[in-house]
Amino acid sequence: MNDQISYVHAPGKHRYEIRDGETVAGFTQYRLPDDEHVDFVHTEVDEAYNGRGLASGVVGFALADVRAAGKRIIPHCPYVAAWIKRHPGEYDDITDWPRPRG
């Protein structure tokens, strides 16, 4: 049932989207704190699409795009942080972990 699923960068909305045809099924949102970093802040998938691995797919797509653009990642989003930890070594070279508050 994933034949219509695609991953798209929507820079005007500061996010990478999961699309099912024309429907936005989810996204990973980011902010640009400086010229070097893409700070991922939130990831969500519509309940109707849960359990299909789409969040993992869009995060993998987004991080590969950030690397291709020559930028670095800040994973403030808990899902993105967990994804990077589940894929050790893949993005360590371009990840700047957020500093703990306090």
PDB file of N, CA and C in Angstrom:
ATOM      1  N   MET A   1       0.819  -1.209   0.000  1.00  0.00           N
ATOM      2  CA  MET A   1       0.000   0.000   0.000  1.00  0.00           C
ATOM      3  C   MET A   1       0.852   1.258   0.000  1.00  0.00           C
ATOM      4  N   ASN A   2       2.172   1.106  -0.057  1.00  0.00           N
ATOM      5  CA  ASN A   2       3.079   2.255  -0.044  1.00  0.00           C
ATOM      6  C   ASN A   2       3.395   2.775  -1.448  1.00  0.00           C
ATOM      7  N   ASP A   3       2.620   2.360  -2.477  1.00  0.00           N
ATOM      8  CA  ASP A   3       2.995   2.732  -3.850  1.00  0.00           C
ATOM      9  C   ASP A   3       2.942   4.239  -4.073  1.00  0.00           C
ATOM     10  N   GLN A   4       2.071   4.945  -3.350  1.00  0.00           N
ATOM     11  CA  GLN A   4       1.937   6.388  -3.542  1.00  0.00           C
ATOM     12  C   GLN A   4       2.806   7.200  -2.576  1.00  0.00           C
ATOM     13  N   ILE A   5       3.497   6.540  -1.653  1.00  0.00           N
ATOM     14  CA  ILE A   5       4.261   7.246  -0.627  1.00  0.00           C
ATOM     15  C   ILE A   5       5.536   7.836  -1.220  1.00  0.00           C
ATOM     16  N   SER A   6       5.765   9.113  -0.914  1.00  0.00           N
ATOM     17  CA  SER A   6       7.015   9.765  -1.325  1.00  0.00           C
ATOM     18  C   SER A   6       7.466  10.681  -0.197  1.00  0.00           C
ATOM     19  N   TYR A   7       8.737  11.017  -0.232  1.00  0.00           N
ATOM     20  CA  TYR A   7       9.321  11.942   0.751  1.00  0.00           C
ATOM     21  C   TYR A   7       9.771  13.175  -0.003  1.00  0.00           C
ATOM     22  N   VAL A   8       9.401  14.353   0.515  1.00  0.00           N
ATOM     23  CA  VAL A   8       9.625  15.603  -0.201  1.00  0.00           C
ATOM     24  C   VAL A   8      10.131  16.668   0.767  1.00  0.00           C
ATOM     25  N   HIS A   9      11.112  17.450   0.338  1.00  0.00           N
ATOM     26  CA  HIS A   9      11.557  18.596   1.129  1.00  0.00           C
ATOM     27  C   HIS A   9      10.639  19.764   0.810  1.00  0.00           C
ATOM     28  N   ALA A  10      10.067  20.356   1.841  1.00  0.00           N
ATOM     29  CA  ALA A  10       9.202  21.526   1.693  1.00  0.00           C
ATOM     30  C   ALA A  10       9.870  22.693   2.422  1.00  0.00           C
ATOM     31  N   PRO A  11      10.907  23.305   1.805  1.00  0.00           N
ATOM     32  CA  PRO A  11      11.688  24.330   2.511  1.00  0.00           C
ATOM     33  C   PRO A  11      10.863  25.542   2.950  1.00  0.00           C
ATOM     34  N   GLY A  12       9.810  25.871   2.237  1.00  0.00           N
ATOM     35  CA  GLY A  12       8.968  27.004   2.633  1.00  0.00           C
ATOM     36  C   GLY A  12       8.272  26.770   3.960  1.00  0.00           C
ATOM     37  N   LYS A  13       8.076  25.493   4.311  1.00  0.00           N
ATOM     38  CA  LYS A  13       7.439  25.128   5.579  1.00  0.00           C
ATOM     39  C   LYS A  13       8.459  24.646   6.602  1.00  0.00           C
ATOM     40  N   HIS A  14       9.735  24.641   6.246  1.00  0.00           N
ATOM     41  CA  HIS A  14      10.817  24.145   7.114  1.00  0.00           C
ATOM     42  C   HIS A  14      10.538  22.728   7.584  1.00  0.00           C
ATOM     43  N   ARG A  15      10.237  21.851   6.609  1.00  0.00           N
ATOM     44  CA  ARG A  15      10.019  20.462   6.981  1.00  0.00           C
ATOM     45  C   ARG A  15      10.205  19.538   5.773  1.00  0.00           C
ATOM     46  N   TYR A  16      10.396  18.274   6.110  1.00  0.00           N
ATOM     47  CA  TYR A  16      10.417  17.204   5.123  1.00  0.00           C
ATOM     48  C   TYR A  16       9.106  16.452   5.305  1.00  0.00           C
ATOM     49  N   GLU A  17       8.375  16.246   4.218  1.00  0.00           N
ATOM     50  CA  GLU A  17       7.044  15.669   4.317  1.00  0.00           C
ATOM     51  C   GLU A  17       6.984  14.236   3.797  1.00  0.00           C
ATOM     52  N   ILE A  18       6.069  13.478   4.396  1.00  0.00           N
ATOM     53  CA  ILE A  18       5.673  12.162   3.897  1.00  0.00           C
ATOM     54  C   ILE A  18       4.387  12.424   3.129  1.00  0.00           C
ATOM     55  N   ARG A  19       4.374  12.090   1.858  1.00  0.00           N
ATOM     56  CA  ARG A  19       3.168  12.322   1.068  1.00  0.00           C
ATOM     57  C   ARG A  19       2.625  11.013   0.518  1.00  0.00           C
ATOM     58  N   ASP A  20       1.312  10.900   0.597  1.00  0.00           N
ATOM     59  CA  ASP A  20       0.585   9.793  -0.005  1.00  0.00           C
ATOM     60  C   ASP A  20      -0.213  10.426  -1.136  1.00  0.00           C
ATOM     61  N   GLY A  21       0.361  10.410  -2.337  1.00  0.00           N
ATOM     62  CA  GLY A  21      -0.227  11.178  -3.420  1.00  0.00           C
ATOM     63  C   GLY A  21      -0.143  12.650  -3.067  1.00  0.00           C
ATOM     64  N   GLU A  22      -1.283  13.321  -2.969  1.00  0.00           N
ATOM     65  CA  GLU A  22      -1.311  14.742  -2.611  1.00  0.00           C
ATOM     66  C   GLU A  22      -1.506  14.972  -1.107  1.00  0.00           C
ATOM     67  N   THR A  23      -1.769  13.917  -0.358  1.00  0.00           N
ATOM     68  CA  THR A  23      -2.036  14.029   1.078  1.00  0.00           C
ATOM     69  C   THR A  23      -0.734  14.026   1.870  1.00  0.00           C
ATOM     70  N   VAL A  24      -0.585  14.976   2.801  1.00  0.00           N
ATOM     71  CA  VAL A  24       0.566  14.977   3.705  1.00  0.00           C
ATOM     72  C   VAL A  24       0.240  14.033   4.854  1.00  0.00           C
ATOM     73  N   ALA A  25       0.993  12.923   4.924  1.00  0.00           N
ATOM     74  CA  ALA A  25       0.743  11.890   5.925  1.00  0.00           C
ATOM     75  C   ALA A  25       1.585  12.089   7.176  1.00  0.00           C
ATOM     76  N   GLY A  26       2.579  12.977   7.114  1.00  0.00           N
ATOM     77  CA  GLY A  26       3.438  13.245   8.261  1.00  0.00           C
ATOM     78  C   GLY A  26       4.601  14.109   7.831  1.00  0.00           C
ATOM     79  N   PHE A  27       5.467  14.419   8.800  1.00  0.00           N
ATOM     80  CA  PHE A  27       6.605  15.288   8.491  1.00  0.00           C
ATOM     81  C   PHE A  27       7.615  15.274   9.625  1.00  0.00           C
ATOM     82  N   THR A  28       8.807  15.763   9.316  1.00  0.00           N
ATOM     83  CA  THR A  28       9.789  16.096  10.341  1.00  0.00           C
ATOM     84  C   THR A  28      10.122  17.570  10.145  1.00  0.00           C
ATOM     85  N   GLN A  29       9.930  18.348  11.196  1.00  0.00           N
ATOM     86  CA  GLN A  29      10.054  19.809  11.166  1.00  0.00           C
ATOM     87  C   GLN A  29      11.448  20.220  11.632  1.00  0.00           C
ATOM     88  N   TYR A  30      11.967  21.296  11.068  1.00  0.00           N
ATOM     89  CA  TYR A  30      13.281  21.785  11.484  1.00  0.00           C
ATOM     90  C   TYR A  30      13.304  23.305  11.553  1.00  0.00           C
ATOM     91  N   ARG A  31      14.349  23.815  12.186  1.00  0.00           N
ATOM     92  CA  ARG A  31      14.630  25.258  12.154  1.00  0.00           C
ATOM     93  C   ARG A  31      16.075  25.427  11.719  1.00  0.00           C
ATOM     94  N   LEU A  32      16.397  26.620  11.293  1.00  0.00           N
ATOM     95  CA  LEU A  32      17.750  26.916  10.810  1.00  0.00           C
ATOM     96  C   LEU A  32      18.376  27.967  11.724  1.00  0.00           C
ATOM     97  N   PRO A  33      19.067  27.517  12.789  1.00  0.00           N
ATOM     98  CA  PRO A  33      19.611  28.465  13.762  1.00  0.00           C
ATOM     99  C   PRO A  33      20.796  29.269  13.226  1.00  0.00           C
ATOM    100  N   ASP A  34      21.481  28.738  12.202  1.00  0.00           N
ATOM    101  CA  ASP A  34      22.623  29.429  11.598  1.00  0.00           C
ATOM    102  C   ASP A  34      22.841  28.837  10.209  1.00  0.00           C
ATOM    103  N   ASP A  35      23.892  29.258   9.531  1.00  0.00           N
ATOM    104  CA  ASP A  35      24.134  28.803   8.159  1.00  0.00           C
ATOM    105  C   ASP A  35      24.644  27.367   8.073  1.00  0.00           C
ATOM    106  N   GLU A  36      25.077  26.811   9.207  1.00  0.00           N
ATOM    107  CA  GLU A  36      25.728  25.497   9.202  1.00  0.00           C
ATOM    108  C   GLU A  36      24.804  24.360   9.622  1.00  0.00           C
ATOM    109  N   HIS A  37      23.758  24.659  10.403  1.00  0.00           N
ATOM    110  CA  HIS A  37      22.964  23.616  11.049  1.00  0.00           C
ATOM    111  C   HIS A  37      21.516  23.544  10.563  1.00  0.00           C
ATOM    112  N   VAL A  38      20.993  22.323  10.615  1.00  0.00           N
ATOM    113  CA  VAL A  38      19.564  22.063  10.477  1.00  0.00           C
ATOM    114  C   VAL A  38      19.156  21.405  11.792  1.00  0.00           C
ATOM    115  N   ASP A  39      18.322  22.106  12.551  1.00  0.00           N
ATOM    116  CA  ASP A  39      17.927  21.669  13.893  1.00  0.00           C
ATOM    117  C   ASP A  39      16.542  21.020  13.805  1.00  0.00           C
ATOM    118  N   PHE A  40      16.506  19.682  13.922  1.00  0.00           N
ATOM    119  CA  PHE A  40      15.235  18.964  13.852  1.00  0.00           C
ATOM    120  C   PHE A  40      14.525  19.072  15.191  1.00  0.00           C
ATOM    121  N   VAL A  41      13.254  19.533  15.168  1.00  0.00           N
ATOM    122  CA  VAL A  41      12.540  19.834  16.404  1.00  0.00           C
ATOM    123  C   VAL A  41      11.287  18.990  16.629  1.00  0.00           C
ATOM    124  N   HIS A  42      10.730  18.385  15.578  1.00  0.00           N
ATOM    125  CA  HIS A  42       9.482  17.647  15.772  1.00  0.00           C
ATOM    126  C   HIS A  42       9.235  16.708  14.591  1.00  0.00           C
ATOM    127  N   THR A  43       8.761  15.505  14.891  1.00  0.00           N
ATOM    128  CA  THR A  43       8.376  14.543  13.848  1.00  0.00           C
ATOM    129  C   THR A  43       7.018  13.977  14.218  1.00  0.00           C
ATOM    130  N   GLU A  44       6.130  13.887  13.237  1.00  0.00           N
ATOM    131  CA  GLU A  44       4.833  13.264  13.495  1.00  0.00           C
ATOM    132  C   GLU A  44       4.302  12.601  12.231  1.00  0.00           C
ATOM    133  N   VAL A  45       3.483  11.568  12.459  1.00  0.00           N
ATOM    134  CA  VAL A  45       2.833  10.839  11.373  1.00  0.00           C
ATOM    135  C   VAL A  45       1.349  10.724  11.721  1.00  0.00           C
ATOM    136  N   ASP A  46       0.489  10.955  10.763  1.00  0.00           N
ATOM    137  CA  ASP A  46      -0.949  10.813  10.951  1.00  0.00           C
ATOM    138  C   ASP A  46      -1.254   9.384  11.430  1.00  0.00           C
ATOM    139  N   GLU A  47      -2.187   9.263  12.385  1.00  0.00           N
ATOM    140  CA  GLU A  47      -2.520   7.959  12.974  1.00  0.00           C
ATOM    141  C   GLU A  47      -2.868   6.909  11.919  1.00  0.00           C
ATOM    142  N   ALA A  48      -3.491   7.312  10.840  1.00  0.00           N
ATOM    143  CA  ALA A  48      -3.896   6.373   9.788  1.00  0.00           C
ATOM    144  C   ALA A  48      -2.688   5.696   9.133  1.00  0.00           C
ATOM    145  N   TYR A  49      -1.503   6.275   9.308  1.00  0.00           N
ATOM    146  CA  TYR A  49      -0.288   5.762   8.665  1.00  0.00           C
ATOM    147  C   TYR A  49       0.691   5.123   9.658  1.00  0.00           C
ATOM    148  N   ASN A  50       0.284   5.032  10.923  1.00  0.00           N
ATOM    149  CA  ASN A  50       1.164   4.449  11.948  1.00  0.00           C
ATOM    150  C   ASN A  50       1.552   3.011  11.615  1.00  0.00           C
ATOM    151  N   GLY A  51       2.743   2.626  12.066  1.00  0.00           N
ATOM    152  CA  GLY A  51       3.173   1.244  11.945  1.00  0.00           C
ATOM    153  C   GLY A  51       3.710   0.849  10.578  1.00  0.00           C
ATOM    154  N   ARG A  52       3.943   1.815   9.718  1.00  0.00           N
ATOM    155  CA  ARG A  52       4.411   1.512   8.363  1.00  0.00           C
ATOM    156  C   ARG A  52       5.862   1.928   8.129  1.00  0.00           C
ATOM    157  N   GLY A  53       6.517   2.431   9.178  1.00  0.00           N
ATOM    158  CA  GLY A  53       7.921   2.818   9.045  1.00  0.00           C
ATOM    159  C   GLY A  53       8.132   4.133   8.317  1.00  0.00           C
ATOM    160  N   LEU A  54       7.073   4.932   8.213  1.00  0.00           N
ATOM    161  CA  LEU A  54       7.178   6.168   7.438  1.00  0.00           C
ATOM    162  C   LEU A  54       7.980   7.248   8.149  1.00  0.00           C
ATOM    163  N   ALA A  55       7.884   7.306   9.485  1.00  0.00           N
ATOM    164  CA  ALA A  55       8.687   8.293  10.221  1.00  0.00           C
ATOM    165  C   ALA A  55      10.167   7.994  10.013  1.00  0.00           C
ATOM    166  N   SER A  56      10.534   6.731  10.114  1.00  0.00           N
ATOM    167  CA  SER A  56      11.927   6.337   9.882  1.00  0.00           C
ATOM    168  C   SER A  56      12.350   6.698   8.454  1.00  0.00           C
ATOM    169  N   GLY A  57      11.469   6.461   7.510  1.00  0.00           N
ATOM    170  CA  GLY A  57      11.780   6.775   6.115  1.00  0.00           C
ATOM    171  C   GLY A  57      12.010   8.247   5.876  1.00  0.00           C
ATOM    172  N   VAL A  58      11.148   9.096   6.441  1.00  0.00           N
ATOM    173  CA  VAL A  58      11.301  10.538   6.201  1.00  0.00           C
ATOM    174  C   VAL A  58      12.536  11.082   6.918  1.00  0.00           C
ATOM    175  N   VAL A  59      12.848  10.544   8.106  1.00  0.00           N
ATOM    176  CA  VAL A  59      14.047  11.000   8.821  1.00  0.00           C
ATOM    177  C   VAL A  59      15.302  10.585   8.051  1.00  0.00           C
ATOM    178  N   GLY A  60      15.352   9.355   7.572  1.00  0.00           N
ATOM    179  CA  GLY A  60      16.492   8.924   6.754  1.00  0.00           C
ATOM    180  C   GLY A  60      16.664   9.789   5.519  1.00  0.00           C
ATOM    181  N   PHE A  61      15.559  10.098   4.863  1.00  0.00           N
ATOM    182  CA  PHE A  61      15.573  10.960   3.676  1.00  0.00           C
ATOM    183  C   PHE A  61      16.090  12.361   4.033  1.00  0.00           C
ATOM    184  N   ALA A  62      15.582  12.918   5.135  1.00  0.00           N
ATOM    185  CA  ALA A  62      15.960  14.276   5.560  1.00  0.00           C
ATOM    186  C   ALA A  62      17.439  14.359   5.916  1.00  0.00           C
ATOM    187  N   LEU A  63      17.933  13.382   6.688  1.00  0.00           N
ATOM    188  CA  LEU A  63      19.335  13.425   7.106  1.00  0.00           C
ATOM    189  C   LEU A  63      20.272  13.260   5.911  1.00  0.00           C
ATOM    190  N   ALA A  64      19.901  12.412   4.962  1.00  0.00           N
ATOM    191  CA  ALA A  64      20.715  12.266   3.751  1.00  0.00           C
ATOM    192  C   ALA A  64      20.736  13.573   2.965  1.00  0.00           C
ATOM    193  N   ASP A  65      19.605  14.275   2.945  1.00  0.00           N
ATOM    194  CA  ASP A  65      19.528  15.554   2.232  1.00  0.00           C
ATOM    195  C   ASP A  65      20.382  16.615   2.918  1.00  0.00           C
ATOM    196  N   VAL A  66      20.359  16.632   4.257  1.00  0.00           N
ATOM    197  CA  VAL A  66      21.185  17.579   5.008  1.00  0.00           C
ATOM    198  C   VAL A  66      22.670  17.314   4.710  1.00  0.00           C
ATOM    199  N   ARG A  67      23.061  16.040   4.724  1.00  0.00           N
ATOM    200  CA  ARG A  67      24.448  15.688   4.419  1.00  0.00           C
ATOM    201  C   ARG A  67      24.806  16.145   2.999  1.00  0.00           C
ATOM    202  N   ALA A  68      23.938  15.898   2.034  1.00  0.00           N
ATOM    203  CA  ALA A  68      24.204  16.274   0.638  1.00  0.00           C
ATOM    204  C   ALA A  68      24.354  17.786   0.492  1.00  0.00           C
ATOM    205  N   ALA A  69      23.680  18.538   1.363  1.00  0.00           N
ATOM    206  CA  ALA A  69      23.766  20.000   1.325  1.00  0.00           C
ATOM    207  C   ALA A  69      25.008  20.516   2.057  1.00  0.00           C
ATOM    208  N   GLY A  70      25.785  19.607   2.676  1.00  0.00           N
ATOM    209  CA  GLY A  70      26.996  20.011   3.379  1.00  0.00           C
ATOM    210  C   GLY A  70      26.734  20.678   4.718  1.00  0.00           C
ATOM    211  N   LYS A  71      25.578  20.381   5.317  1.00  0.00           N
ATOM    212  CA  LYS A  71      25.233  20.991   6.608  1.00  0.00           C
ATOM    213  C   LYS A  71      25.339  19.963   7.727  1.00  0.00           C
ATOM    214  N   ARG A  72      25.098  20.423   8.953  1.00  0.00           N
ATOM    215  CA  ARG A  72      25.186  19.576  10.145  1.00  0.00           C
ATOM    216  C   ARG A  72      23.808  19.471  10.795  1.00  0.00           C
ATOM    217  N   ILE A  73      23.617  18.405  11.577  1.00  0.00           N
ATOM    218  CA  ILE A  73      22.343  18.090  12.209  1.00  0.00           C
ATOM    219  C   ILE A  73      22.405  18.415  13.700  1.00  0.00           C
ATOM    220  N   ILE A  74      21.313  19.003  14.217  1.00  0.00           N
ATOM    221  CA  ILE A  74      21.101  19.097  15.669  1.00  0.00           C
ATOM    222  C   ILE A  74      19.793  18.360  15.937  1.00  0.00           C
ATOM    223  N   PRO A  75      19.840  17.230  16.653  1.00  0.00           N
ATOM    224  CA  PRO A  75      18.613  16.455  16.884  1.00  0.00           C
ATOM    225  C   PRO A  75      17.898  16.809  18.187  1.00  0.00           C
ATOM    226  N   HIS A  76      17.173  17.932  18.205  1.00  0.00           N
ATOM    227  CA  HIS A  76      16.353  18.256  19.375  1.00  0.00           C
ATOM    228  C   HIS A  76      15.112  17.371  19.418  1.00  0.00           C
ATOM    229  N   CYS A  77      14.618  16.950  18.280  1.00  0.00           N
ATOM    230  CA  CYS A  77      13.453  16.070  18.216  1.00  0.00           C
ATOM    231  C   CYS A  77      13.828  14.707  18.802  1.00  0.00           C
ATOM    232  N   PRO A  78      13.076  14.222  19.800  1.00  0.00           N
ATOM    233  CA  PRO A  78      13.401  12.918  20.402  1.00  0.00           C
ATOM    234  C   PRO A  78      13.401  11.776  19.388  1.00  0.00           C
ATOM    235  N   TYR A  79      12.514  11.823  18.408  1.00  0.00           N
ATOM    236  CA  TYR A  79      12.474  10.747  17.413  1.00  0.00           C
ATOM    237  C   TYR A  79      13.735  10.763  16.552  1.00  0.00           C
ATOM    238  N   VAL A  80      14.146  11.935  16.099  1.00  0.00           N
ATOM    239  CA  VAL A  80      15.360  12.035  15.274  1.00  0.00           C
ATOM    240  C   VAL A  80      16.582  11.592  16.086  1.00  0.00           C
ATOM    241  N   ALA A  81      16.653  12.010  17.353  1.00  0.00           N
ATOM    242  CA  ALA A  81      17.773  11.595  18.215  1.00  0.00           C
ATOM    243  C   ALA A  81      17.813  10.077  18.355  1.00  0.00           C
ATOM    244  N   ALA A  82      16.658   9.457  18.591  1.00  0.00           N
ATOM    245  CA  ALA A  82      16.597   7.999  18.736  1.00  0.00           C
ATOM    246  C   ALA A  82      16.970   7.315  17.420  1.00  0.00           C
ATOM    247  N   TRP A  83      16.546   7.889  16.295  1.00  0.00           N
ATOM    248  CA  TRP A  83      16.859   7.314  14.981  1.00  0.00           C
ATOM    249  C   TRP A  83      18.369   7.301  14.758  1.00  0.00           C
ATOM    250  N   ILE A  84      19.022   8.415  15.081  1.00  0.00           N
ATOM    251  CA  ILE A  84      20.482   8.498  14.910  1.00  0.00           C
ATOM    252  C   ILE A  84      21.168   7.457  15.802  1.00  0.00           C
ATOM    253  N   LYS A  85      20.687   7.298  17.026  1.00  0.00           N
ATOM    254  CA  LYS A  85      21.283   6.309  17.942  1.00  0.00           C
ATOM    255  C   LYS A  85      21.055   4.879  17.457  1.00  0.00           C
ATOM    256  N   ARG A  86      19.948   4.630  16.762  1.00  0.00           N
ATOM    257  CA  ARG A  86      19.671   3.289  16.216  1.00  0.00           C
ATOM    258  C   ARG A  86      20.478   2.993  14.952  1.00  0.00           C
ATOM    259  N   HIS A  87      21.104   4.019  14.388  1.00  0.00           N
ATOM    260  CA  HIS A  87      21.916   3.855  13.177  1.00  0.00           C
ATOM    261  C   HIS A  87      23.328   4.374  13.469  1.00  0.00           C
ATOM    262  N   PRO A  88      24.038   3.703  14.408  1.00  0.00           N
ATOM    263  CA  PRO A  88      25.345   4.210  14.841  1.00  0.00           C
ATOM    264  C   PRO A  88      26.333   4.320  13.684  1.00  0.00           C
ATOM    265  N   GLY A  89      27.029   5.448  13.676  1.00  0.00           N
ATOM    266  CA  GLY A  89      28.069   5.647  12.670  1.00  0.00           C
ATOM    267  C   GLY A  89      27.591   6.308  11.391  1.00  0.00           C
ATOM    268  N   GLU A  90      26.293   6.231  11.088  1.00  0.00           N
ATOM    269  CA  GLU A  90      25.816   6.766   9.810  1.00  0.00           C
ATOM    270  C   GLU A  90      25.899   8.292   9.726  1.00  0.00           C
ATOM    271  N   TYR A  91      25.540   8.965  10.816  1.00  0.00           N
ATOM    272  CA  TYR A  91      25.500  10.433  10.789  1.00  0.00           C
ATOM    273  C   TYR A  91      26.298  11.068  11.919  1.00  0.00           C
ATOM    274  N   ASP A  92      27.104  10.268  12.655  1.00  0.00           N
ATOM    275  CA  ASP A  92      27.895  10.800  13.767  1.00  0.00           C
ATOM    276  C   ASP A  92      28.798  11.948  13.327  1.00  0.00           C
ATOM    277  N   ASP A  93      29.312  11.858  12.115  1.00  0.00           N
ATOM    278  CA  ASP A  93      30.274  12.861  11.632  1.00  0.00           C
ATOM    279  C   ASP A  93      29.643  14.227  11.388  1.00  0.00           C
ATOM    280  N   ILE A  94      28.307  14.301  11.264  1.00  0.00           N
ATOM    281  CA  ILE A  94      27.668  15.603  11.017  1.00  0.00           C
ATOM    282  C   ILE A  94      26.615  15.935  12.079  1.00  0.00           C
ATOM    283  N   THR A  95      26.639  15.216  13.217  1.00  0.00           N
ATOM    284  CA  THR A  95      25.658  15.452  14.284  1.00  0.00           C
ATOM    285  C   THR A  95      26.291  16.235  15.417  1.00  0.00           C
ATOM    286  N   ASP A  96      25.617  17.321  15.794  1.00  0.00           N
ATOM    287  CA  ASP A  96      25.990  18.100  16.969  1.00  0.00           C
ATOM    288  C   ASP A  96      24.861  17.935  17.977  1.00  0.00           C
ATOM    289  N   TRP A  97      25.126  17.156  19.031  1.00  0.00           N
ATOM    290  CA  TRP A  97      24.087  16.895  20.029  1.00  0.00           C
ATOM    291  C   TRP A  97      23.772  18.154  20.815  1.00  0.00           C
ATOM    292  N   PRO A  98      22.496  18.400  21.113  1.00  0.00           N
ATOM    293  CA  PRO A  98      22.139  19.570  21.913  1.00  0.00           C
ATOM    294  C   PRO A  98      22.741  19.490  23.302  1.00  0.00           C
ATOM    295  N   ARG A  99      23.084  20.628  23.839  1.00  0.00           N
ATOM    296  CA  ARG A  99      23.626  20.665  25.205  1.00  0.00           C
ATOM    297  C   ARG A  99      22.458  20.544  26.193  1.00  0.00           C
ATOM    298  N   PRO A 100      22.657  19.764  27.247  1.00  0.00           N
ATOM    299  CA  PRO A 100      21.589  19.652  28.248  1.00  0.00           C
ATOM    300  C   PRO A 100      21.317  21.017  28.895  1.00  0.00           C
ATOM    301  N   ARG A 101      20.062  21.243  29.202  1.00  0.00           N
ATOM    302  CA  ARG A 101      19.696  22.513  29.852  1.00  0.00           C
ATOM    303  C   ARG A 101      19.991  22.419  31.341  1.00  0.00           C
ATOM    304  N   GLY A 102      20.287  23.590  31.928  1.00  0.00           N
ATOM    305  CA  GLY A 102      20.473  23.606  33.367  1.00  0.00           C
ATOM    306  C   GLY A 102      21.866  23.829  33.671  1.00  0.00           C
TER     307      GLY A 102
END
